Amino acid sequence: MSNYLVVMEAAWLVRDVENIDDAIGVAVSEAGKRLNQEGKDYVEVNVGLTNCPACGEPFESSYIAADTALVGLMLEMEVFNADSEEHAQRIAKSEVGGALRDVPLKVVETIEREGDADE
């Protein structure tokens, strides 16, 4: 059994917002609040990055149209004693998905951690 860091991307919708900074603040705050209410304070919430299609430089994943924002959040969770990478991903999606119902999630990276549980 191994330990893994599972990184997921979430699409967070924020209504009635006028600028990107406010949208990001609301998205991170709302996601953190919902996770904490479910006792999932071990999930780290950050704003995701997207590469500019023209120049390739990364920028914060957020877009506003008609006072409604779509903010890409990155959620990181440590999974301990998983049988495999796929098992760790299922555990993470189940834990986070249960707290963030109706929020699309996608696993973007899974990293096996040093300090295997069998050692």
N, C-alpha and C. Protein backbone atom coordinates (compact mmCIF):
# COMPACT_ATOMS: atom_id res chain seq x y z
N MET A 1 0.84 -1.18 0.00
CA MET A 1 0.00 0.00 0.00
C MET A 1 0.88 1.24 0.00
N SER A 2 0.43 2.25 -0.71
CA SER A 2 1.22 3.47 -0.87
C SER A 2 0.40 4.71 -0.52
N ASN A 3 1.10 5.80 -0.37
CA ASN A 3 0.48 7.10 -0.13
C ASN A 3 0.58 7.93 -1.40
N TYR A 4 -0.45 8.71 -1.68
CA TYR A 4 -0.51 9.49 -2.91
C TYR A 4 -1.01 10.90 -2.63
N LEU A 5 -0.56 11.83 -3.45
CA LEU A 5 -1.13 13.17 -3.51
C LEU A 5 -1.99 13.20 -4.76
N VAL A 6 -3.28 13.43 -4.60
CA VAL A 6 -4.20 13.47 -5.74
C VAL A 6 -4.62 14.93 -5.96
N VAL A 7 -4.42 15.41 -7.18
CA VAL A 7 -4.77 16.79 -7.54
C VAL A 7 -5.95 16.73 -8.49
N MET A 8 -7.01 17.44 -8.13
CA MET A 8 -8.23 17.47 -8.94
C MET A 8 -8.55 18.90 -9.36
N GLU A 9 -9.18 19.01 -10.50
CA GLU A 9 -9.66 20.30 -11.00
C GLU A 9 -11.17 20.33 -10.81
N ALA A 10 -11.67 21.46 -10.33
CA ALA A 10 -13.11 21.64 -10.13
C ALA A 10 -13.57 22.88 -10.88
N ALA A 11 -14.74 22.81 -11.46
CA ALA A 11 -15.34 23.96 -12.15
C ALA A 11 -16.35 24.60 -11.21
N TRP A 12 -16.06 25.81 -10.74
CA TRP A 12 -16.91 26.48 -9.75
C TRP A 12 -17.60 27.67 -10.40
N LEU A 13 -18.91 27.73 -10.28
CA LEU A 13 -19.72 28.80 -10.85
C LEU A 13 -20.02 29.85 -9.78
N VAL A 14 -19.78 31.12 -10.10
CA VAL A 14 -20.05 32.22 -9.18
C VAL A 14 -20.96 33.21 -9.89
N ARG A 15 -22.11 33.47 -9.31
CA ARG A 15 -23.10 34.37 -9.93
C ARG A 15 -23.01 35.78 -9.32
N ASP A 16 -23.48 36.76 -10.08
CA ASP A 16 -23.55 38.15 -9.64
C ASP A 16 -22.20 38.69 -9.18
N VAL A 17 -21.23 38.60 -10.05
CA VAL A 17 -19.89 39.08 -9.74
C VAL A 17 -19.43 40.00 -10.86
N GLU A 18 -18.66 41.03 -10.51
CA GLU A 18 -18.28 42.03 -11.51
C GLU A 18 -16.83 41.94 -11.96
N ASN A 19 -15.95 41.34 -11.11
CA ASN A 19 -14.55 41.25 -11.54
C ASN A 19 -13.94 39.91 -11.15
N ILE A 20 -12.82 39.61 -11.78
CA ILE A 20 -12.15 38.32 -11.61
C ILE A 20 -11.71 38.10 -10.17
N ASP A 21 -11.12 39.10 -9.54
CA ASP A 21 -10.63 38.94 -8.17
C ASP A 21 -11.75 38.56 -7.22
N ASP A 22 -12.91 39.22 -7.36
CA ASP A 22 -14.06 38.88 -6.51
C ASP A 22 -14.53 37.46 -6.79
N ALA A 23 -14.57 37.07 -8.05
CA ALA A 23 -15.02 35.72 -8.41
C ALA A 23 -14.11 34.67 -7.80
N ILE A 24 -12.80 34.89 -7.88
CA ILE A 24 -11.84 33.94 -7.32
C ILE A 24 -12.00 33.85 -5.80
N GLY A 25 -12.12 35.00 -5.16
CA GLY A 25 -12.29 35.01 -3.71
C GLY A 25 -13.54 34.27 -3.26
N VAL A 26 -14.64 34.50 -3.95
CA VAL A 26 -15.90 33.83 -3.61
C VAL A 26 -15.78 32.33 -3.85
N ALA A 27 -15.20 31.92 -4.97
CA ALA A 27 -15.07 30.50 -5.29
C ALA A 27 -14.23 29.76 -4.26
N VAL A 28 -13.07 30.30 -3.93
CA VAL A 28 -12.19 29.65 -2.95
C VAL A 28 -12.87 29.60 -1.59
N SER A 29 -13.52 30.70 -1.20
CA SER A 29 -14.19 30.76 0.09
C SER A 29 -15.35 29.77 0.18
N GLU A 30 -16.19 29.73 -0.85
CA GLU A 30 -17.33 28.81 -0.84
C GLU A 30 -16.88 27.35 -0.84
N ALA A 31 -15.89 27.03 -1.65
CA ALA A 31 -15.38 25.65 -1.69
C ALA A 31 -14.80 25.25 -0.34
N GLY A 32 -13.98 26.13 0.23
CA GLY A 32 -13.39 25.84 1.54
C GLY A 32 -14.45 25.67 2.61
N LYS A 33 -15.47 26.50 2.58
CA LYS A 33 -16.55 26.43 3.57
C LYS A 33 -17.28 25.10 3.47
N ARG A 34 -17.62 24.69 2.25
CA ARG A 34 -18.34 23.41 2.06
C ARG A 34 -17.48 22.22 2.48
N LEU A 35 -16.20 22.27 2.18
CA LEU A 35 -15.31 21.18 2.58
C LEU A 35 -15.16 21.14 4.10
N ASN A 36 -15.00 22.29 4.73
CA ASN A 36 -14.85 22.34 6.19
C ASN A 36 -16.11 21.88 6.91
N GLN A 37 -17.29 22.22 6.38
CA GLN A 37 -18.54 21.79 6.98
C GLN A 37 -18.67 20.27 6.99
N GLU A 38 -18.06 19.63 6.01
CA GLU A 38 -18.10 18.17 5.90
C GLU A 38 -16.92 17.52 6.61
N GLY A 39 -16.10 18.31 7.31
CA GLY A 39 -14.95 17.77 8.02
C GLY A 39 -13.78 17.42 7.11
N LYS A 40 -13.73 18.04 5.95
CA LYS A 40 -12.69 17.75 4.97
C LYS A 40 -11.68 18.91 4.90
N ASP A 41 -11.27 19.39 6.07
CA ASP A 41 -10.35 20.52 6.11
C ASP A 41 -8.93 20.14 5.67
N TYR A 42 -8.70 18.88 5.39
CA TYR A 42 -7.40 18.42 4.90
C TYR A 42 -7.26 18.57 3.38
N VAL A 43 -8.31 19.03 2.71
CA VAL A 43 -8.25 19.27 1.26
C VAL A 43 -7.80 20.71 1.04
N GLU A 44 -6.72 20.88 0.27
CA GLU A 44 -6.21 22.21 -0.02
C GLU A 44 -6.89 22.77 -1.26
N VAL A 45 -7.36 24.02 -1.19
CA VAL A 45 -8.07 24.66 -2.29
C VAL A 45 -7.23 25.82 -2.82
N ASN A 46 -6.96 25.81 -4.13
CA ASN A 46 -6.22 26.88 -4.79
C ASN A 46 -6.89 27.21 -6.12
N VAL A 47 -6.53 28.34 -6.68
CA VAL A 47 -7.01 28.70 -8.01
C VAL A 47 -6.15 27.98 -9.03
N GLY A 48 -6.78 27.42 -10.04
CA GLY A 48 -6.04 26.72 -11.09
C GLY A 48 -5.40 27.69 -12.06
N LEU A 49 -4.51 27.16 -12.87
CA LEU A 49 -3.85 27.96 -13.90
C LEU A 49 -4.16 27.38 -15.27
N THR A 50 -4.32 28.27 -16.24
CA THR A 50 -4.56 27.89 -17.62
C THR A 50 -3.51 28.59 -18.47
N ASN A 51 -3.02 27.89 -19.47
CA ASN A 51 -2.04 28.52 -20.37
C ASN A 51 -2.74 29.33 -21.44
N CYS A 52 -2.24 30.53 -21.69
CA CYS A 52 -2.77 31.39 -22.73
C CYS A 52 -2.54 30.72 -24.08
N PRO A 53 -3.57 30.62 -24.92
CA PRO A 53 -3.39 29.98 -26.22
C PRO A 53 -2.49 30.78 -27.16
N ALA A 54 -2.37 32.08 -26.95
CA ALA A 54 -1.56 32.93 -27.83
C ALA A 54 -0.08 32.93 -27.43
N CYS A 55 0.17 33.17 -26.13
CA CYS A 55 1.57 33.33 -25.71
C CYS A 55 2.10 32.17 -24.88
N GLY A 56 1.21 31.33 -24.37
CA GLY A 56 1.63 30.19 -23.59
C GLY A 56 1.87 30.47 -22.11
N GLU A 57 1.76 31.74 -21.70
CA GLU A 57 1.96 32.09 -20.30
C GLU A 57 0.75 31.67 -19.46
N PRO A 58 0.98 31.16 -18.24
CA PRO A 58 -0.15 30.76 -17.39
C PRO A 58 -0.86 31.98 -16.79
N PHE A 59 -2.17 31.85 -16.63
CA PHE A 59 -2.97 32.86 -15.94
C PHE A 59 -4.03 32.13 -15.12
N GLU A 60 -4.61 32.83 -14.14
CA GLU A 60 -5.61 32.22 -13.26
C GLU A 60 -6.83 31.78 -14.07
N SER A 61 -7.28 30.57 -13.80
CA SER A 61 -8.40 29.98 -14.54
C SER A 61 -9.72 30.59 -14.09
N SER A 62 -10.12 31.64 -14.76
CA SER A 62 -11.40 32.26 -14.46
C SER A 62 -11.87 33.07 -15.67
N TYR A 63 -13.18 33.11 -15.82
CA TYR A 63 -13.78 33.81 -16.95
C TYR A 63 -15.12 34.36 -16.51
N ILE A 64 -15.42 35.60 -16.88
CA ILE A 64 -16.70 36.22 -16.54
C ILE A 64 -17.45 36.57 -17.81
N ALA A 65 -18.73 36.23 -17.83
CA ALA A 65 -19.65 36.64 -18.88
C ALA A 65 -21.02 36.84 -18.22
N ALA A 66 -21.66 37.95 -18.53
CA ALA A 66 -22.99 38.27 -18.00
C ALA A 66 -23.02 38.18 -16.47
N ASP A 67 -22.01 38.78 -15.83
CA ASP A 67 -21.91 38.80 -14.36
C ASP A 67 -21.89 37.41 -13.72
N THR A 68 -21.51 36.39 -14.49
CA THR A 68 -21.38 35.03 -13.97
C THR A 68 -19.98 34.54 -14.31
N ALA A 69 -19.29 34.00 -13.30
CA ALA A 69 -17.91 33.56 -13.50
C ALA A 69 -17.81 32.05 -13.41
N LEU A 70 -16.91 31.51 -14.20
CA LEU A 70 -16.49 30.12 -14.08
C LEU A 70 -15.05 30.17 -13.60
N VAL A 71 -14.81 29.60 -12.42
CA VAL A 71 -13.48 29.61 -11.82
C VAL A 71 -12.98 28.18 -11.73
N GLY A 72 -11.79 27.94 -12.25
CA GLY A 72 -11.16 26.62 -12.14
C GLY A 72 -10.38 26.54 -10.84
N LEU A 73 -10.77 25.61 -9.98
CA LEU A 73 -10.08 25.42 -8.71
C LEU A 73 -9.25 24.14 -8.76
N MET A 74 -8.13 24.16 -8.07
CA MET A 74 -7.30 22.97 -7.90
C MET A 74 -7.46 22.50 -6.47
N LEU A 75 -7.83 21.25 -6.30
CA LEU A 75 -8.04 20.65 -4.99
C LEU A 75 -7.01 19.56 -4.79
N GLU A 76 -6.25 19.64 -3.72
CA GLU A 76 -5.20 18.66 -3.44
C GLU A 76 -5.54 17.90 -2.17
N MET A 77 -5.37 16.57 -2.24
CA MET A 77 -5.67 15.73 -1.08
C MET A 77 -4.66 14.60 -0.98
N GLU A 78 -4.15 14.38 0.22
CA GLU A 78 -3.28 13.24 0.49
C GLU A 78 -4.16 12.02 0.73
N VAL A 79 -3.83 10.92 0.08
CA VAL A 79 -4.53 9.66 0.29
C VAL A 79 -3.50 8.66 0.82
N PHE A 80 -3.81 8.06 1.97
CA PHE A 80 -2.88 7.15 2.62
C PHE A 80 -3.33 5.70 2.45
N ASN A 81 -2.37 4.82 2.30
CA ASN A 81 -2.60 3.37 2.25
C ASN A 81 -3.53 2.94 1.14
N ALA A 82 -3.36 3.49 -0.03
CA ALA A 82 -4.16 3.09 -1.20
C ALA A 82 -3.49 1.91 -1.89
N ASP A 83 -4.29 1.03 -2.48
CA ASP A 83 -3.76 -0.15 -3.16
C ASP A 83 -3.05 0.19 -4.46
N SER A 84 -3.50 1.26 -5.13
CA SER A 84 -2.93 1.65 -6.41
C SER A 84 -3.23 3.12 -6.67
N GLU A 85 -2.68 3.63 -7.77
CA GLU A 85 -2.95 5.00 -8.17
C GLU A 85 -4.44 5.20 -8.44
N GLU A 86 -5.05 4.26 -9.13
CA GLU A 86 -6.48 4.35 -9.45
C GLU A 86 -7.32 4.31 -8.18
N HIS A 87 -6.92 3.49 -7.21
CA HIS A 87 -7.64 3.41 -5.95
C HIS A 87 -7.57 4.75 -5.21
N ALA A 88 -6.39 5.37 -5.20
CA ALA A 88 -6.23 6.68 -4.56
C ALA A 88 -7.12 7.72 -5.24
N GLN A 89 -7.20 7.68 -6.56
CA GLN A 89 -8.05 8.63 -7.29
C GLN A 89 -9.52 8.43 -6.94
N ARG A 90 -9.96 7.19 -6.85
CA ARG A 90 -11.36 6.92 -6.49
C ARG A 90 -11.68 7.41 -5.08
N ILE A 91 -10.73 7.17 -4.15
CA ILE A 91 -10.92 7.63 -2.77
C ILE A 91 -11.04 9.16 -2.74
N ALA A 92 -10.12 9.85 -3.41
CA ALA A 92 -10.12 11.31 -3.41
C ALA A 92 -11.40 11.87 -4.03
N LYS A 93 -11.80 11.33 -5.18
CA LYS A 93 -13.02 11.82 -5.83
C LYS A 93 -14.25 11.57 -4.96
N SER A 94 -14.28 10.45 -4.28
CA SER A 94 -15.41 10.14 -3.40
C SER A 94 -15.46 11.10 -2.21
N GLU A 95 -14.31 11.33 -1.58
CA GLU A 95 -14.25 12.22 -0.42
C GLU A 95 -14.64 13.65 -0.80
N VAL A 96 -14.01 14.18 -1.83
CA VAL A 96 -14.26 15.57 -2.24
C VAL A 96 -15.62 15.70 -2.89
N GLY A 97 -15.97 14.76 -3.75
CA GLY A 97 -17.26 14.81 -4.44
C GLY A 97 -18.45 14.75 -3.50
N GLY A 98 -18.29 14.05 -2.38
CA GLY A 98 -19.37 14.00 -1.39
C GLY A 98 -19.64 15.35 -0.76
N ALA A 99 -18.59 16.14 -0.57
CA ALA A 99 -18.73 17.46 0.04
C ALA A 99 -19.12 18.52 -0.98
N LEU A 100 -18.67 18.35 -2.22
CA LEU A 100 -18.93 19.34 -3.27
C LEU A 100 -19.88 18.75 -4.32
N ARG A 101 -21.05 18.38 -3.87
CA ARG A 101 -22.04 17.82 -4.78
C ARG A 101 -22.35 18.80 -5.91
N ASP A 102 -22.61 18.27 -7.09
CA ASP A 102 -22.96 19.05 -8.28
C ASP A 102 -21.81 19.94 -8.77
N VAL A 103 -20.58 19.66 -8.34
CA VAL A 103 -19.41 20.39 -8.84
C VAL A 103 -18.59 19.41 -9.68
N PRO A 104 -18.41 19.70 -10.96
CA PRO A 104 -17.62 18.80 -11.80
C PRO A 104 -16.18 18.68 -11.30
N LEU A 105 -15.68 17.44 -11.19
CA LEU A 105 -14.32 17.17 -10.75
C LEU A 105 -13.59 16.33 -11.79
N LYS A 106 -12.30 16.59 -11.94
CA LYS A 106 -11.47 15.80 -12.83
C LYS A 106 -10.09 15.64 -12.19
N VAL A 107 -9.61 14.41 -12.10
CA VAL A 107 -8.27 14.17 -11.59
C VAL A 107 -7.27 14.61 -12.65
N VAL A 108 -6.34 15.49 -12.28
CA VAL A 108 -5.35 15.98 -13.23
C VAL A 108 -3.95 15.45 -12.97
N GLU A 109 -3.69 15.01 -11.73
CA GLU A 109 -2.37 14.49 -11.41
C GLU A 109 -2.45 13.63 -10.16
N THR A 110 -1.68 12.56 -10.16
CA THR A 110 -1.56 11.70 -8.99
C THR A 110 -0.08 11.39 -8.79
N ILE A 111 0.43 11.71 -7.61
CA ILE A 111 1.85 11.56 -7.33
C ILE A 111 2.02 10.59 -6.17
N GLU A 112 2.80 9.53 -6.39
CA GLU A 112 3.11 8.61 -5.30
C GLU A 112 4.10 9.30 -4.38
N ARG A 113 3.84 9.24 -3.08
CA ARG A 113 4.67 9.93 -2.09
C ARG A 113 5.72 9.01 -1.53
N GLU A 114 6.84 9.60 -1.13
CA GLU A 114 7.89 8.85 -0.42
C GLU A 114 7.34 8.43 0.93
N GLY A 115 7.97 7.45 1.53
CA GLY A 115 7.50 6.99 2.84
C GLY A 115 6.36 6.03 2.69
N ASP A 116 6.56 5.00 1.88
CA ASP A 116 5.55 3.97 1.63
C ASP A 116 5.02 3.42 2.95
N ALA A 117 3.76 3.08 3.00
CA ALA A 117 3.12 2.57 4.22
C ALA A 117 3.70 1.24 4.66
N ASP A 118 4.34 0.46 3.75
CA ASP A 118 4.88 -0.84 4.10
C ASP A 118 6.24 -0.75 4.78
N GLU A 119 6.86 0.39 4.76
CA GLU A 119 8.22 0.54 5.32
C GLU A 119 8.19 0.52 6.81
